[in-house]
Amino acid sequence: MRSRKISCFVISCNEEDRIEACLQSLAGWVDQLIVVDSGSKDRTVEIAEKYADKVYQTDWPGFGPQRNRALAWCEHDWVLSIDADEVLTPELKVEIDQVLAEPDLDANFIKMPWHTYFLASC
């Protein structure tokens, strides 16, 4: 249905307790899934390797430079940046697919709604 490909990157460090749900929500839906890890000492990299197309292990130069590194590794024009504690819902994926399937799409940015859950299991 979607005619435009999506690259996605997740920047991580010691995220083993949350990254699997994030990557599960993306794997098989995005066309390229990248994890950029900054020296995790837990199982983050091991978990990421189960889902990501590529896991890069790097130093931490700061958020901006790390984001730019990740962008340089993305192969597609449409890029989704998501935090390791975030999960895409099936409804949001359908909505993104519909937008990126529009033949005359005149946009270079998609604003998405988000919800914060505090001390709750989702």
PDB file of N, CA and C in Angstrom:
ATOM      1  N   MET A   1       0.828  -1.195   0.000  1.00  0.00           N
ATOM      2  CA  MET A   1       0.000   0.000   0.000  1.00  0.00           C
ATOM      3  C   MET A   1       0.873   1.260   0.000  1.00  0.00           C
ATOM      4  N   ARG A   2       1.874   1.310   0.853  1.00  0.00           N
ATOM      5  CA  ARG A   2       2.738   2.487   0.930  1.00  0.00           C
ATOM      6  C   ARG A   2       3.712   2.455  -0.236  1.00  0.00           C
ATOM      7  N   SER A   3       3.815   3.566  -0.964  1.00  0.00           N
ATOM      8  CA  SER A   3       4.694   3.608  -2.132  1.00  0.00           C
ATOM      9  C   SER A   3       6.053   4.220  -1.817  1.00  0.00           C
ATOM     10  N   ARG A   4       6.222   4.779  -0.643  1.00  0.00           N
ATOM     11  CA  ARG A   4       7.491   5.386  -0.253  1.00  0.00           C
ATOM     12  C   ARG A   4       8.117   4.554   0.865  1.00  0.00           C
ATOM     13  N   LYS A   5       9.406   4.332   0.767  1.00  0.00           N
ATOM     14  CA  LYS A   5      10.103   3.521   1.755  1.00  0.00           C
ATOM     15  C   LYS A   5      10.483   4.363   2.971  1.00  0.00           C
ATOM     16  N   ILE A   6      10.570   3.677   4.122  1.00  0.00           N
ATOM     17  CA  ILE A   6      10.908   4.333   5.384  1.00  0.00           C
ATOM     18  C   ILE A   6      12.142   3.680   5.986  1.00  0.00           C
ATOM     19  N   SER A   7      13.101   4.514   6.363  1.00  0.00           N
ATOM     20  CA  SER A   7      14.191   4.087   7.232  1.00  0.00           C
ATOM     21  C   SER A   7      13.823   4.514   8.645  1.00  0.00           C
ATOM     22  N   CYS A   8      14.244   3.746   9.621  1.00  0.00           N
ATOM     23  CA  CYS A   8      13.973   4.093  11.010  1.00  0.00           C
ATOM     24  C   CYS A   8      15.234   3.871  11.818  1.00  0.00           C
ATOM     25  N   PHE A   9      15.516   4.802  12.730  1.00  0.00           N
ATOM     26  CA  PHE A   9      16.636   4.590  13.634  1.00  0.00           C
ATOM     27  C   PHE A   9      16.211   4.810  15.073  1.00  0.00           C
ATOM     28  N   VAL A  10      16.870   4.033  15.938  1.00  0.00           N
ATOM     29  CA  VAL A  10      16.681   4.114  17.380  1.00  0.00           C
ATOM     30  C   VAL A  10      18.063   4.315  17.988  1.00  0.00           C
ATOM     31  N   ILE A  11      18.219   5.359  18.773  1.00  0.00           N
ATOM     32  CA  ILE A  11      19.463   5.612  19.494  1.00  0.00           C
ATOM     33  C   ILE A  11      19.307   4.997  20.877  1.00  0.00           C
ATOM     34  N   SER A  12      20.313   4.223  21.300  1.00  0.00           N
ATOM     35  CA  SER A  12      20.138   3.498  22.559  1.00  0.00           C
ATOM     36  C   SER A  12      21.400   3.489  23.408  1.00  0.00           C
ATOM     37  N   CYS A  13      21.173   3.244  24.693  1.00  0.00           N
ATOM     38  CA  CYS A  13      22.230   2.940  25.648  1.00  0.00           C
ATOM     39  C   CYS A  13      21.564   2.342  26.883  1.00  0.00           C
ATOM     40  N   ASN A  14      21.883   1.087  27.153  1.00  0.00           N
ATOM     41  CA  ASN A  14      21.334   0.379  28.319  1.00  0.00           C
ATOM     42  C   ASN A  14      19.806   0.430  28.348  1.00  0.00           C
ATOM     43  N   GLU A  15      19.183  -0.066  27.293  1.00  0.00           N
ATOM     44  CA  GLU A  15      17.724  -0.034  27.125  1.00  0.00           C
ATOM     45  C   GLU A  15      17.107  -1.435  27.118  1.00  0.00           C
ATOM     46  N   GLU A  16      17.782  -2.433  27.679  1.00  0.00           N
ATOM     47  CA  GLU A  16      17.299  -3.808  27.552  1.00  0.00           C
ATOM     48  C   GLU A  16      15.893  -4.014  28.095  1.00  0.00           C
ATOM     49  N   ASP A  17      15.462  -3.205  29.032  1.00  0.00           N
ATOM     50  CA  ASP A  17      14.137  -3.404  29.619  1.00  0.00           C
ATOM     51  C   ASP A  17      13.012  -2.819  28.787  1.00  0.00           C
ATOM     52  N   ARG A  18      13.325  -2.111  27.713  1.00  0.00           N
ATOM     53  CA  ARG A  18      12.266  -1.478  26.929  1.00  0.00           C
ATOM     54  C   ARG A  18      12.438  -1.561  25.416  1.00  0.00           C
ATOM     55  N   ILE A  19      13.622  -1.842  24.922  1.00  0.00           N
ATOM     56  CA  ILE A  19      13.860  -1.733  23.481  1.00  0.00           C
ATOM     57  C   ILE A  19      13.168  -2.828  22.671  1.00  0.00           C
ATOM     58  N   GLU A  20      12.936  -3.983  23.265  1.00  0.00           N
ATOM     59  CA  GLU A  20      12.329  -5.066  22.490  1.00  0.00           C
ATOM     60  C   GLU A  20      10.921  -4.705  22.026  1.00  0.00           C
ATOM     61  N   ALA A  21      10.115  -4.129  22.898  1.00  0.00           N
ATOM     62  CA  ALA A  21       8.756  -3.721  22.501  1.00  0.00           C
ATOM     63  C   ALA A  21       8.816  -2.677  21.394  1.00  0.00           C
ATOM     64  N   CYS A  22       9.755  -1.767  21.496  1.00  0.00           N
ATOM     65  CA  CYS A  22       9.933  -0.743  20.463  1.00  0.00           C
ATOM     66  C   CYS A  22      10.254  -1.385  19.123  1.00  0.00           C
ATOM     67  N   LEU A  23      11.267  -2.243  19.106  1.00  0.00           N
ATOM     68  CA  LEU A  23      11.709  -2.845  17.853  1.00  0.00           C
ATOM     69  C   LEU A  23      10.674  -3.808  17.274  1.00  0.00           C
ATOM     70  N   GLN A  24       9.954  -4.506  18.133  1.00  0.00           N
ATOM     71  CA  GLN A  24       8.891  -5.390  17.659  1.00  0.00           C
ATOM     72  C   GLN A  24       7.822  -4.602  16.910  1.00  0.00           C
ATOM     73  N   SER A  25       7.553  -3.375  17.359  1.00  0.00           N
ATOM     74  CA  SER A  25       6.522  -2.565  16.707  1.00  0.00           C
ATOM     75  C   SER A  25       6.981  -2.039  15.348  1.00  0.00           C
ATOM     76  N   LEU A  26       8.263  -2.111  15.063  1.00  0.00           N
ATOM     77  CA  LEU A  26       8.822  -1.564  13.824  1.00  0.00           C
ATOM     78  C   LEU A  26       9.271  -2.637  12.823  1.00  0.00           C
ATOM     79  N   ALA A  27       9.785  -3.742  13.347  1.00  0.00           N
ATOM     80  CA  ALA A  27      10.342  -4.800  12.488  1.00  0.00           C
ATOM     81  C   ALA A  27       9.284  -5.346  11.541  1.00  0.00           C
ATOM     82  N   GLY A  28       9.667  -5.443  10.272  1.00  0.00           N
ATOM     83  CA  GLY A  28       8.743  -5.942   9.266  1.00  0.00           C
ATOM     84  C   GLY A  28       7.830  -4.871   8.699  1.00  0.00           C
ATOM     85  N   TRP A  29       7.792  -3.715   9.334  1.00  0.00           N
ATOM     86  CA  TRP A  29       6.964  -2.618   8.818  1.00  0.00           C
ATOM     87  C   TRP A  29       7.836  -1.570   8.135  1.00  0.00           C
ATOM     88  N   VAL A  30       8.894  -1.126   8.788  1.00  0.00           N
ATOM     89  CA  VAL A  30       9.802  -0.184   8.132  1.00  0.00           C
ATOM     90  C   VAL A  30      10.668  -0.959   7.144  1.00  0.00           C
ATOM     91  N   ASP A  31      11.214  -0.252   6.181  1.00  0.00           N
ATOM     92  CA  ASP A  31      12.028  -0.888   5.154  1.00  0.00           C
ATOM     93  C   ASP A  31      13.488  -1.027   5.568  1.00  0.00           C
ATOM     94  N   GLN A  32      13.902  -0.231   6.541  1.00  0.00           N
ATOM     95  CA  GLN A  32      15.259  -0.305   7.070  1.00  0.00           C
ATOM     96  C   GLN A  32      15.186   0.069   8.547  1.00  0.00           C
ATOM     97  N   LEU A  33      15.695  -0.792   9.405  1.00  0.00           N
ATOM     98  CA  LEU A  33      15.670  -0.549  10.845  1.00  0.00           C
ATOM     99  C   LEU A  33      17.102  -0.562  11.372  1.00  0.00           C
ATOM    100  N   ILE A  34      17.506   0.554  11.948  1.00  0.00           N
ATOM    101  CA  ILE A  34      18.868   0.751  12.439  1.00  0.00           C
ATOM    102  C   ILE A  34      18.815   1.048  13.933  1.00  0.00           C
ATOM    103  N   VAL A  35      19.720   0.458  14.681  1.00  0.00           N
ATOM    104  CA  VAL A  35      19.919   0.823  16.084  1.00  0.00           C
ATOM    105  C   VAL A  35      21.338   1.351  16.208  1.00  0.00           C
ATOM    106  N   VAL A  36      21.473   2.510  16.828  1.00  0.00           N
ATOM    107  CA  VAL A  36      22.777   3.118  17.074  1.00  0.00           C
ATOM    108  C   VAL A  36      22.977   3.103  18.589  1.00  0.00           C
ATOM    109  N   ASP A  37      23.861   2.219  19.032  1.00  0.00           N
ATOM    110  CA  ASP A  37      24.072   2.033  20.463  1.00  0.00           C
ATOM    111  C   ASP A  37      25.347   2.725  20.923  1.00  0.00           C
ATOM    112  N   SER A  38      25.259   3.316  22.096  1.00  0.00           N
ATOM    113  CA  SER A  38      26.377   4.100  22.634  1.00  0.00           C
ATOM    114  C   SER A  38      27.000   3.428  23.853  1.00  0.00           C
ATOM    115  N   GLY A  39      27.434   2.196  23.689  1.00  0.00           N
ATOM    116  CA  GLY A  39      28.186   1.532  24.740  1.00  0.00           C
ATOM    117  C   GLY A  39      27.360   0.855  25.812  1.00  0.00           C
ATOM    118  N   SER A  40      26.254   0.260  25.436  1.00  0.00           N
ATOM    119  CA  SER A  40      25.432  -0.440  26.425  1.00  0.00           C
ATOM    120  C   SER A  40      26.227  -1.519  27.143  1.00  0.00           C
ATOM    121  N   LYS A  41      25.962  -1.657  28.429  1.00  0.00           N
ATOM    122  CA  LYS A  41      26.610  -2.685  29.253  1.00  0.00           C
ATOM    123  C   LYS A  41      25.628  -3.810  29.586  1.00  0.00           C
ATOM    124  N   ASP A  42      24.416  -3.737  29.062  1.00  0.00           N
ATOM    125  CA  ASP A  42      23.397  -4.752  29.311  1.00  0.00           C
ATOM    126  C   ASP A  42      23.137  -5.524  28.017  1.00  0.00           C
ATOM    127  N   ARG A  43      21.976  -6.096  27.843  1.00  0.00           N
ATOM    128  CA  ARG A  43      21.655  -6.916  26.664  1.00  0.00           C
ATOM    129  C   ARG A  43      21.035  -6.112  25.512  1.00  0.00           C
ATOM    130  N   THR A  44      21.132  -4.805  25.536  1.00  0.00           N
ATOM    131  CA  THR A  44      20.521  -3.977  24.493  1.00  0.00           C
ATOM    132  C   THR A  44      20.962  -4.395  23.100  1.00  0.00           C
ATOM    133  N   VAL A  45      22.244  -4.535  22.877  1.00  0.00           N
ATOM    134  CA  VAL A  45      22.765  -4.875  21.541  1.00  0.00           C
ATOM    135  C   VAL A  45      22.287  -6.263  21.123  1.00  0.00           C
ATOM    136  N   GLU A  46      22.325  -7.208  22.018  1.00  0.00           N
ATOM    137  CA  GLU A  46      21.862  -8.570  21.725  1.00  0.00           C
ATOM    138  C   GLU A  46      20.388  -8.560  21.293  1.00  0.00           C
ATOM    139  N   ILE A  47      19.569  -7.824  21.999  1.00  0.00           N
ATOM    140  CA  ILE A  47      18.147  -7.724  21.647  1.00  0.00           C
ATOM    141  C   ILE A  47      17.981  -7.007  20.312  1.00  0.00           C
ATOM    142  N   ALA A  48      18.701  -5.923  20.134  1.00  0.00           N
ATOM    143  CA  ALA A  48      18.599  -5.146  18.893  1.00  0.00           C
ATOM    144  C   ALA A  48      18.974  -5.989  17.682  1.00  0.00           C
ATOM    145  N   GLU A  49      19.970  -6.836  17.817  1.00  0.00           N
ATOM    146  CA  GLU A  49      20.411  -7.661  16.687  1.00  0.00           C
ATOM    147  C   GLU A  49      19.341  -8.645  16.229  1.00  0.00           C
ATOM    148  N   LYS A  50      18.372  -8.957  17.074  1.00  0.00           N
ATOM    149  CA  LYS A  50      17.276  -9.852  16.677  1.00  0.00           C
ATOM    150  C   LYS A  50      16.301  -9.166  15.726  1.00  0.00           C
ATOM    151  N   TYR A  51      16.223  -7.847  15.767  1.00  0.00           N
ATOM    152  CA  TYR A  51      15.202  -7.110  15.024  1.00  0.00           C
ATOM    153  C   TYR A  51      15.760  -6.154  13.969  1.00  0.00           C
ATOM    154  N   ALA A  52      16.868  -5.536  14.246  1.00  0.00           N
ATOM    155  CA  ALA A  52      17.385  -4.478  13.376  1.00  0.00           C
ATOM    156  C   ALA A  52      18.123  -5.054  12.171  1.00  0.00           C
ATOM    157  N   ASP A  53      18.076  -4.314  11.077  1.00  0.00           N
ATOM    158  CA  ASP A  53      18.861  -4.666   9.898  1.00  0.00           C
ATOM    159  C   ASP A  53      20.345  -4.446  10.167  1.00  0.00           C
ATOM    160  N   LYS A  54      20.632  -3.428  10.961  1.00  0.00           N
ATOM    161  CA  LYS A  54      22.021  -3.105  11.288  1.00  0.00           C
ATOM    162  C   LYS A  54      22.056  -2.475  12.673  1.00  0.00           C
ATOM    163  N   VAL A  55      23.030  -2.905  13.483  1.00  0.00           N
ATOM    164  CA  VAL A  55      23.272  -2.316  14.795  1.00  0.00           C
ATOM    165  C   VAL A  55      24.676  -1.732  14.767  1.00  0.00           C
ATOM    166  N   TYR A  56      24.768  -0.436  14.975  1.00  0.00           N
ATOM    167  CA  TYR A  56      26.051   0.254  15.028  1.00  0.00           C
ATOM    168  C   TYR A  56      26.398   0.505  16.488  1.00  0.00           C
ATOM    169  N   GLN A  57      27.619   0.175  16.881  1.00  0.00           N
ATOM    170  CA  GLN A  57      28.087   0.454  18.229  1.00  0.00           C
ATOM    171  C   GLN A  57      29.108   1.580  18.140  1.00  0.00           C
ATOM    172  N   THR A  58      28.806   2.674  18.812  1.00  0.00           N
ATOM    173  CA  THR A  58      29.634   3.876  18.700  1.00  0.00           C
ATOM    174  C   THR A  58      29.863   4.491  20.072  1.00  0.00           C
ATOM    175  N   ASP A  59      30.646   5.539  20.069  1.00  0.00           N
ATOM    176  CA  ASP A  59      30.798   6.355  21.273  1.00  0.00           C
ATOM    177  C   ASP A  59      29.578   7.274  21.399  1.00  0.00           C
ATOM    178  N   TRP A  60      29.548   8.123  22.381  1.00  0.00           N
ATOM    179  CA  TRP A  60      28.461   9.087  22.548  1.00  0.00           C
ATOM    180  C   TRP A  60      29.010  10.495  22.345  1.00  0.00           C
ATOM    181  N   PRO A  61      28.842  11.057  21.148  1.00  0.00           N
ATOM    182  CA  PRO A  61      29.339  12.398  20.874  1.00  0.00           C
ATOM    183  C   PRO A  61      28.343  13.498  21.249  1.00  0.00           C
ATOM    184  N   GLY A  62      27.187  13.110  21.759  1.00  0.00           N
ATOM    185  CA  GLY A  62      26.088  14.041  22.033  1.00  0.00           C
ATOM    186  C   GLY A  62      24.913  13.690  21.137  1.00  0.00           C
ATOM    187  N   PHE A  63      23.716  14.154  21.530  1.00  0.00           N
ATOM    188  CA  PHE A  63      22.527  13.745  20.796  1.00  0.00           C
ATOM    189  C   PHE A  63      22.550  14.200  19.334  1.00  0.00           C
ATOM    190  N   GLY A  64      22.859  15.458  19.082  1.00  0.00           N
ATOM    191  CA  GLY A  64      22.863  15.970  17.707  1.00  0.00           C
ATOM    192  C   GLY A  64      23.806  15.202  16.794  1.00  0.00           C
ATOM    193  N   PRO A  65      25.077  15.075  17.171  1.00  0.00           N
ATOM    194  CA  PRO A  65      25.998  14.313  16.327  1.00  0.00           C
ATOM    195  C   PRO A  65      25.592  12.844  16.170  1.00  0.00           C
ATOM    196  N   GLN A  66      25.031  12.245  17.233  1.00  0.00           N
ATOM    197  CA  GLN A  66      24.616  10.842  17.117  1.00  0.00           C
ATOM    198  C   GLN A  66      23.438  10.707  16.154  1.00  0.00           C
ATOM    199  N   ARG A  67      22.513  11.653  16.240  1.00  0.00           N
ATOM    200  CA  ARG A  67      21.370  11.669  15.326  1.00  0.00           C
ATOM    201  C   ARG A  67      21.851  11.830  13.888  1.00  0.00           C
ATOM    202  N   ASN A  68      22.812  12.689  13.674  1.00  0.00           N
ATOM    203  CA  ASN A  68      23.351  12.905  12.324  1.00  0.00           C
ATOM    204  C   ASN A  68      24.070  11.668  11.802  1.00  0.00           C
ATOM    205  N   ARG A  69      24.765  10.953  12.679  1.00  0.00           N
ATOM    206  CA  ARG A  69      25.371   9.683  12.273  1.00  0.00           C
ATOM    207  C   ARG A  69      24.297   8.724  11.789  1.00  0.00           C
ATOM    208  N   ALA A  70      23.252   8.603  12.593  1.00  0.00           N
ATOM    209  CA  ALA A  70      22.167   7.679  12.245  1.00  0.00           C
ATOM    210  C   ALA A  70      21.534   8.073  10.913  1.00  0.00           C
ATOM    211  N   LEU A  71      21.289   9.358  10.727  1.00  0.00           N
ATOM    212  CA  LEU A  71      20.699   9.826   9.463  1.00  0.00           C
ATOM    213  C   LEU A  71      21.583   9.475   8.269  1.00  0.00           C
ATOM    214  N   ALA A  72      22.888   9.564   8.440  1.00  0.00           N
ATOM    215  CA  ALA A  72      23.815   9.248   7.345  1.00  0.00           C
ATOM    216  C   ALA A  72      23.730   7.772   6.946  1.00  0.00           C
ATOM    217  N   TRP A  73      23.332   6.908   7.880  1.00  0.00           N
ATOM    218  CA  TRP A  73      23.219   5.483   7.585  1.00  0.00           C
ATOM    219  C   TRP A  73      21.855   5.103   7.013  1.00  0.00           C
ATOM    220  N   CYS A  74      20.930   6.037   7.016  1.00  0.00           N
ATOM    221  CA  CYS A  74      19.589   5.756   6.483  1.00  0.00           C
ATOM    222  C   CYS A  74      19.617   5.800   4.963  1.00  0.00           C
ATOM    223  N   GLU A  75      18.983   4.821   4.342  1.00  0.00           N
ATOM    224  CA  GLU A  75      19.000   4.689   2.884  1.00  0.00           C
ATOM    225  C   GLU A  75      17.825   5.357   2.190  1.00  0.00           C
ATOM    226  N   HIS A  76      16.753   5.645   2.918  1.00  0.00           N
ATOM    227  CA  HIS A  76      15.526   6.119   2.282  1.00  0.00           C
ATOM    228  C   HIS A  76      15.234   7.577   2.624  1.00  0.00           C
ATOM    229  N   ASP A  77      14.426   8.220   1.777  1.00  0.00           N
ATOM    230  CA  ASP A  77      14.105   9.637   1.953  1.00  0.00           C
ATOM    231  C   ASP A  77      13.247   9.903   3.185  1.00  0.00           C
ATOM    232  N   TRP A  78      12.366   8.973   3.508  1.00  0.00           N
ATOM    233  CA  TRP A  78      11.513   9.129   4.687  1.00  0.00           C
ATOM    234  C   TRP A  78      12.177   8.419   5.854  1.00  0.00           C
ATOM    235  N   VAL A  79      12.373   9.167   6.956  1.00  0.00           N
ATOM    236  CA  VAL A  79      13.089   8.641   8.114  1.00  0.00           C
ATOM    237  C   VAL A  79      12.248   8.854   9.365  1.00  0.00           C
ATOM    238  N   LEU A  80      12.127   7.789  10.135  1.00  0.00           N
ATOM    239  CA  LEU A  80      11.442   7.838  11.421  1.00  0.00           C
ATOM    240  C   LEU A  80      12.494   7.686  12.507  1.00  0.00           C
ATOM    241  N   SER A  81      12.529   8.635  13.424  1.00  0.00           N
ATOM    242  CA  SER A  81      13.399   8.551  14.590  1.00  0.00           C
ATOM    243  C   SER A  81      12.503   8.285  15.785  1.00  0.00           C
ATOM    244  N   ILE A  82      12.786   7.220  16.514  1.00  0.00           N
ATOM    245  CA  ILE A  82      11.941   6.847  17.640  1.00  0.00           C
ATOM    246  C   ILE A  82      12.838   6.493  18.823  1.00  0.00           C
ATOM    247  N   ASP A  83      12.384   6.830  20.014  1.00  0.00           N
ATOM    248  CA  ASP A  83      13.136   6.500  21.223  1.00  0.00           C
ATOM    249  C   ASP A  83      12.901   5.039  21.591  1.00  0.00           C
ATOM    250  N   ALA A  84      13.846   4.463  22.305  1.00  0.00           N
ATOM    251  CA  ALA A  84      13.780   3.047  22.666  1.00  0.00           C
ATOM    252  C   ALA A  84      12.609   2.715  23.578  1.00  0.00           C
ATOM    253  N   ASP A  85      12.028   3.702  24.221  1.00  0.00           N
ATOM    254  CA  ASP A  85      10.878   3.446  25.102  1.00  0.00           C
ATOM    255  C   ASP A  85       9.551   3.782  24.425  1.00  0.00           C
ATOM    256  N   GLU A  86       9.572   3.991  23.118  1.00  0.00           N
ATOM    257  CA  GLU A  86       8.352   4.309  22.378  1.00  0.00           C
ATOM    258  C   GLU A  86       7.942   3.116  21.516  1.00  0.00           C
ATOM    259  N   VAL A  87       6.642   2.991  21.301  1.00  0.00           N
ATOM    260  CA  VAL A  87       6.083   1.893  20.517  1.00  0.00           C
ATOM    261  C   VAL A  87       5.081   2.475  19.532  1.00  0.00           C
ATOM    262  N   LEU A  88       5.183   2.076  18.267  1.00  0.00           N
ATOM    263  CA  LEU A  88       4.196   2.498  17.270  1.00  0.00           C
ATOM    264  C   LEU A  88       2.984   1.588  17.342  1.00  0.00           C
ATOM    265  N   THR A  89       1.810   2.178  17.407  1.00  0.00           N
ATOM    266  CA  THR A  89       0.584   1.387  17.432  1.00  0.00           C
ATOM    267  C   THR A  89       0.243   0.941  16.016  1.00  0.00           C
ATOM    268  N   PRO A  90      -0.519  -0.135  15.885  1.00  0.00           N
ATOM    269  CA  PRO A  90      -0.964  -0.558  14.553  1.00  0.00           C
ATOM    270  C   PRO A  90      -1.747   0.546  13.845  1.00  0.00           C
ATOM    271  N   GLU A  91      -2.538   1.296  14.591  1.00  0.00           N
ATOM    272  CA  GLU A  91      -3.337   2.382  13.989  1.00  0.00           C
ATOM    273  C   GLU A  91      -2.445   3.477  13.418  1.00  0.00           C
ATOM    274  N   LEU A  92      -1.376   3.822  14.132  1.00  0.00           N
ATOM    275  CA  LEU A  92      -0.469   4.848  13.628  1.00  0.00           C
ATOM    276  C   LEU A  92       0.265   4.365  12.384  1.00  0.00           C
ATOM    277  N   LYS A  93       0.647   3.102  12.357  1.00  0.00           N
ATOM    278  CA  LYS A  93       1.321   2.567  11.170  1.00  0.00           C
ATOM    279  C   LYS A  93       0.399   2.620   9.951  1.00  0.00           C
ATOM    280  N   VAL A  94      -0.867   2.309  10.136  1.00  0.00           N
ATOM    281  CA  VAL A  94      -1.832   2.388   9.026  1.00  0.00           C
ATOM    282  C   VAL A  94      -1.952   3.823   8.551  1.00  0.00           C
ATOM    283  N   GLU A  95      -2.029   4.753   9.484  1.00  0.00           N
ATOM    284  CA  GLU A  95      -2.151   6.167   9.109  1.00  0.00           C
ATOM    285  C   GLU A  95      -0.923   6.650   8.345  1.00  0.00           C
ATOM    286  N   ILE A  96       0.262   6.273   8.801  1.00  0.00           N
ATOM    287  CA  ILE A  96       1.490   6.653   8.090  1.00  0.00           C
ATOM    288  C   ILE A  96       1.512   6.025   6.697  1.00  0.00           C
ATOM    289  N   ASP A  97       1.141   4.753   6.606  1.00  0.00           N
ATOM    290  CA  ASP A  97       1.091   4.089   5.305  1.00  0.00           C
ATOM    291  C   ASP A  97       0.153   4.821   4.351  1.00  0.00           C
ATOM    292  N   GLN A  98      -0.993   5.256   4.843  1.00  0.00           N
ATOM    293  CA  GLN A  98      -1.960   5.968   4.002  1.00  0.00           C
ATOM    294  C   GLN A  98      -1.386   7.291   3.509  1.00  0.00           C
ATOM    295  N   VAL A  99      -0.730   8.022   4.390  1.00  0.00           N
ATOM    296  CA  VAL A  99      -0.138   9.304   3.990  1.00  0.00           C
ATOM    297  C   VAL A  99       0.952   9.081   2.951  1.00  0.00           C
ATOM    298  N   LEU A 100       1.824   8.103   3.199  1.00  0.00           N
ATOM    299  CA  LEU A 100       2.947   7.868   2.277  1.00  0.00           C
ATOM    300  C   LEU A 100       2.532   7.157   0.999  1.00  0.00           C
ATOM    301  N   ALA A 101       1.287   6.774   0.890  1.00  0.00           N
ATOM    302  CA  ALA A 101       0.762   6.172  -0.344  1.00  0.00           C
ATOM    303  C   ALA A 101       0.134   7.206  -1.255  1.00  0.00           C
ATOM    304  N   GLU A 102      -0.063   8.420  -0.751  1.00  0.00           N
ATOM    305  CA  GLU A 102      -0.701   9.455  -1.565  1.00  0.00           C
ATOM    306  C   GLU A 102       0.194   9.811  -2.748  1.00  0.00           C
ATOM    307  N   PRO A 103      -0.355   9.767  -3.973  1.00  0.00           N
ATOM    308  CA  PRO A 103       0.478  10.002  -5.158  1.00  0.00           C
ATOM    309  C   PRO A 103       1.004  11.436  -5.262  1.00  0.00           C
ATOM    310  N   ASP A 104       0.250  12.397  -4.789  1.00  0.00           N
ATOM    311  CA  ASP A 104       0.671  13.800  -4.901  1.00  0.00           C
ATOM    312  C   ASP A 104       1.043  14.378  -3.547  1.00  0.00           C
ATOM    313  N   LEU A 105       1.735  13.619  -2.746  1.00  0.00           N
ATOM    314  CA  LEU A 105       2.116  14.067  -1.411  1.00  0.00           C
ATOM    315  C   LEU A 105       3.022  15.282  -1.508  1.00  0.00           C
ATOM    316  N   ASP A 106       2.598  16.363  -0.906  1.00  0.00           N
ATOM    317  CA  ASP A 106       3.359  17.613  -0.917  1.00  0.00           C
ATOM    318  C   ASP A 106       3.780  17.922   0.517  1.00  0.00           C
ATOM    319  N   ALA A 107       4.641  17.079   1.055  1.00  0.00           N
ATOM    320  CA  ALA A 107       5.088  17.233   2.434  1.00  0.00           C
ATOM    321  C   ALA A 107       6.477  16.644   2.572  1.00  0.00           C
ATOM    322  N   ASN A 108       7.181  17.122   3.559  1.00  0.00           N
ATOM    323  CA  ASN A 108       8.471  16.526   3.871  1.00  0.00           C
ATOM    324  C   ASN A 108       8.579  16.227   5.366  1.00  0.00           C
ATOM    325  N   PHE A 109       7.445  16.342   6.059  1.00  0.00           N
ATOM    326  CA  PHE A 109       7.408  16.116   7.490  1.00  0.00           C
ATOM    327  C   PHE A 109       6.007  15.670   7.871  1.00  0.00           C
ATOM    328  N   ILE A 110       5.905  14.674   8.727  1.00  0.00           N
ATOM    329  CA  ILE A 110       4.606  14.233   9.226  1.00  0.00           C
ATOM    330  C   ILE A 110       4.607  14.403  10.733  1.00  0.00           C
ATOM    331  N   LYS A 111       3.677  15.166  11.238  1.00  0.00           N
ATOM    332  CA  LYS A 111       3.540  15.351  12.677  1.00  0.00           C
ATOM    333  C   LYS A 111       2.615  14.262  13.209  1.00  0.00           C
ATOM    334  N   MET A 112       3.062  13.568  14.273  1.00  0.00           N
ATOM    335  CA  MET A 112       2.288  12.461  14.820  1.00  0.00           C
ATOM    336  C   MET A 112       1.822  12.790  16.229  1.00  0.00           C
ATOM    337  N   PRO A 113       0.624  12.367  16.558  1.00  0.00           N
ATOM    338  CA  PRO A 113       0.183  12.515  17.947  1.00  0.00           C
ATOM    339  C   PRO A 113       0.929  11.504  18.823  1.00  0.00           C
ATOM    340  N   TRP A 114       1.095  11.825  20.094  1.00  0.00           N
ATOM    341  CA  TRP A 114       1.715  10.880  21.002  1.00  0.00           C
ATOM    342  C   TRP A 114       1.081  11.017  22.372  1.00  0.00           C
ATOM    343  N   HIS A 115       1.223   9.963  23.133  1.00  0.00           N
ATOM    344  CA  HIS A 115       0.660   9.917  24.478  1.00  0.00           C
ATOM    345  C   HIS A 115       1.762   9.527  25.448  1.00  0.00           C
ATOM    346  N   THR A 116       1.737  10.144  26.606  1.00  0.00           N
ATOM    347  CA  THR A 116       2.676   9.806  27.662  1.00  0.00           C
ATOM    348  C   THR A 116       1.940   8.996  28.724  1.00  0.00           C
ATOM    349  N   TYR A 117       2.539   7.901  29.117  1.00  0.00           N
ATOM    350  CA  TYR A 117       1.994   7.079  30.199  1.00  0.00           C
ATOM    351  C   TYR A 117       2.982   7.152  31.355  1.00  0.00           C
ATOM    352  N   PHE A 118       2.482   7.554  32.505  1.00  0.00           N
ATOM    353  CA  PHE A 118       3.329   7.706  33.675  1.00  0.00           C
ATOM    354  C   PHE A 118       2.888   6.697  34.727  1.00  0.00           C
ATOM    355  N   LEU A 119       3.817   5.828  35.112  1.00  0.00           N
ATOM    356  CA  LEU A 119       3.534   4.795  36.126  1.00  0.00           C
ATOM    357  C   LEU A 119       2.337   3.938  35.759  1.00  0.00           C
ATOM    358  N   ALA A 120       2.273   3.562  34.506  1.00  0.00           N
ATOM    359  CA  ALA A 120       1.175   2.714  34.040  1.00  0.00           C
ATOM    360  C   ALA A 120       1.740   1.666  33.101  1.00  0.00           C
ATOM    361  N   SER A 121       1.132   0.536  33.067  1.00  0.00           N
ATOM    362  CA  SER A 121       1.530  -0.460  32.071  1.00  0.00           C
ATOM    363  C   SER A 121       0.570  -0.359  30.905  1.00  0.00           C
ATOM    364  N   CYS A 122       1.114  -0.377  29.713  1.00  0.00           N
ATOM    365  CA  CYS A 122       0.305  -0.161  28.507  1.00  0.00           C
ATOM    366  C   CYS A 122       0.154  -1.442  27.744  1.00  0.00           C
TER     367      CYS A 122
END
